[in-house]
Protein backbone atom coordinates (compact mmCIF):
# COMPACT_ATOMS: atom_id res chain seq x y z
CA UNK A 1 -68.39 -58.22 29.25
CA UNK A 2 -71.91 -57.50 27.29
CA UNK A 3 -72.94 -54.97 29.97
CA UNK A 4 -73.34 -52.05 28.73
CA UNK A 5 -71.30 -49.12 29.76
CA UNK A 6 -73.63 -47.55 32.61
CA UNK A 7 -73.84 -50.36 34.20
CA UNK A 8 -71.99 -50.91 37.49
CA UNK A 9 -70.51 -53.62 38.57
CA UNK A 10 -71.68 -55.57 41.73
CA UNK A 11 -68.41 -56.42 44.38
CA UNK A 12 -68.44 -60.51 43.08
CA UNK A 13 -68.54 -58.97 39.46
CA UNK A 14 -65.98 -57.09 40.36
CA UNK A 15 -63.77 -59.69 42.31
CA UNK A 16 -64.56 -61.90 38.95
CA UNK A 17 -63.26 -59.54 36.47
CA UNK A 18 -60.04 -59.01 39.57
CA UNK A 19 -59.45 -63.08 39.32
CA UNK A 20 -59.73 -63.21 35.63
CA UNK A 21 -57.86 -59.69 34.65
CA UNK A 22 -54.45 -61.66 32.99
CA UNK A 23 -56.78 -63.78 31.02
CA UNK A 24 -59.15 -60.40 30.15
CA UNK A 25 -55.97 -59.01 28.21
CA UNK A 26 -57.10 -60.58 25.11
CA UNK A 27 -60.47 -59.19 25.69
CA UNK A 28 -61.20 -55.46 24.13
CA UNK A 29 -64.11 -55.17 25.71
CA UNK A 30 -62.42 -56.25 29.50
CA UNK A 31 -60.46 -52.96 29.67
CA UNK A 32 -63.21 -50.68 30.31
CA UNK A 33 -64.84 -53.10 32.75
CA UNK A 34 -61.52 -53.65 34.83
CA UNK A 35 -60.87 -50.39 34.83
CA UNK A 36 -64.50 -48.95 35.45
CA UNK A 37 -64.11 -50.96 39.22
CA UNK A 38 -62.53 -47.85 40.81
CA UNK A 39 -61.84 -50.13 44.09
CA UNK A 40 -58.85 -52.33 41.90
CA UNK A 41 -57.41 -48.98 40.70
CA UNK A 42 -56.72 -47.01 43.97
CA UNK A 43 -55.42 -50.24 45.42
CA UNK A 44 -52.99 -51.37 42.66
CA UNK A 45 -49.57 -49.80 42.53
CA UNK A 46 -49.00 -47.61 38.80
CA UNK A 47 -46.50 -49.36 37.77
CA UNK A 48 -48.63 -52.82 38.23
CA UNK A 49 -51.72 -51.10 36.38
CA UNK A 50 -49.51 -49.24 33.66
CA UNK A 51 -48.07 -53.05 32.90
CA UNK A 52 -51.28 -54.53 32.90
CA UNK A 53 -53.24 -52.25 30.29
CA UNK A 54 -49.78 -52.17 28.31
CA UNK A 55 -50.67 -56.06 27.91
CA UNK A 56 -54.44 -55.22 26.90
CA UNK A 57 -54.88 -55.65 23.22
CA UNK A 58 -55.98 -52.27 21.93
CA UNK A 59 -59.27 -50.98 22.73
CA UNK A 60 -61.91 -49.87 20.25
CA UNK A 61 -62.25 -46.15 19.58
CA UNK A 62 -65.67 -46.22 20.70
CA UNK A 63 -64.69 -47.78 24.05
CA UNK A 64 -62.06 -45.66 24.80
CA UNK A 65 -64.99 -43.05 24.90
CA UNK A 66 -65.83 -44.79 27.98
CA UNK A 67 -62.64 -44.22 29.53
CA UNK A 68 -63.43 -40.07 29.86
CA UNK A 69 -66.48 -40.70 32.01
CA UNK A 70 -66.49 -38.76 35.87
CA UNK A 71 -65.12 -41.95 37.36
CA UNK A 72 -61.88 -42.81 35.48
CA UNK A 73 -59.92 -39.78 36.52
CA UNK A 74 -56.93 -41.62 37.13
CA UNK A 75 -54.05 -40.05 34.65
CA UNK A 76 -53.25 -42.93 33.73
CA UNK A 77 -56.43 -44.34 32.35
CA UNK A 78 -56.77 -40.47 30.76
CA UNK A 79 -53.62 -41.01 28.58
CA UNK A 80 -54.33 -44.49 27.43
CA UNK A 81 -58.07 -43.06 26.24
CA UNK A 82 -55.93 -40.17 24.84
CA UNK A 83 -53.38 -42.61 22.74
CA UNK A 84 -56.65 -44.72 21.33
CA UNK A 85 -58.59 -41.56 20.12
CA UNK A 86 -55.36 -40.84 18.49
CA UNK A 87 -56.18 -43.65 16.41
CA UNK A 88 -59.27 -42.10 15.03
CA UNK A 89 -59.86 -40.09 12.68
CA UNK A 90 -61.36 -36.26 11.65
CA UNK A 91 -64.77 -37.93 12.62
CA UNK A 92 -64.67 -39.37 15.79
CA UNK A 93 -63.05 -36.78 16.63
CA UNK A 94 -66.02 -34.77 16.09
CA UNK A 95 -68.41 -36.96 18.05
CA UNK A 96 -66.16 -36.50 21.07
CA UNK A 97 -65.72 -33.01 20.91
CA UNK A 98 -69.74 -32.88 20.54
CA UNK A 99 -70.51 -35.36 23.59
CA UNK A 100 -67.36 -33.95 25.74
CA UNK A 101 -67.35 -30.20 24.90
CA UNK A 102 -65.79 -29.19 28.40
CA UNK A 103 -63.11 -31.66 27.90
């Protein structure tokens, strides 16, 4: 969970995240790591993915910005990220549109 957002996970690390996915629902930083494992998103049916994301503790606003990266273009992931940003104040919106002007 301490890896920076730019670090890619190797297959063993992705397997560990998958194995402990239900335990990780209690860890705020675990959701972005889970969702960034694109292999998992492609293999999970959307209903199961939605149920798992709904069980996760709410993530921090800053972490939700990670979910707008190029590798996470799944509609469910984007929808979740937008819902998290709705909790933010105007300052966060300014920063978001400053760093992601094409969104």
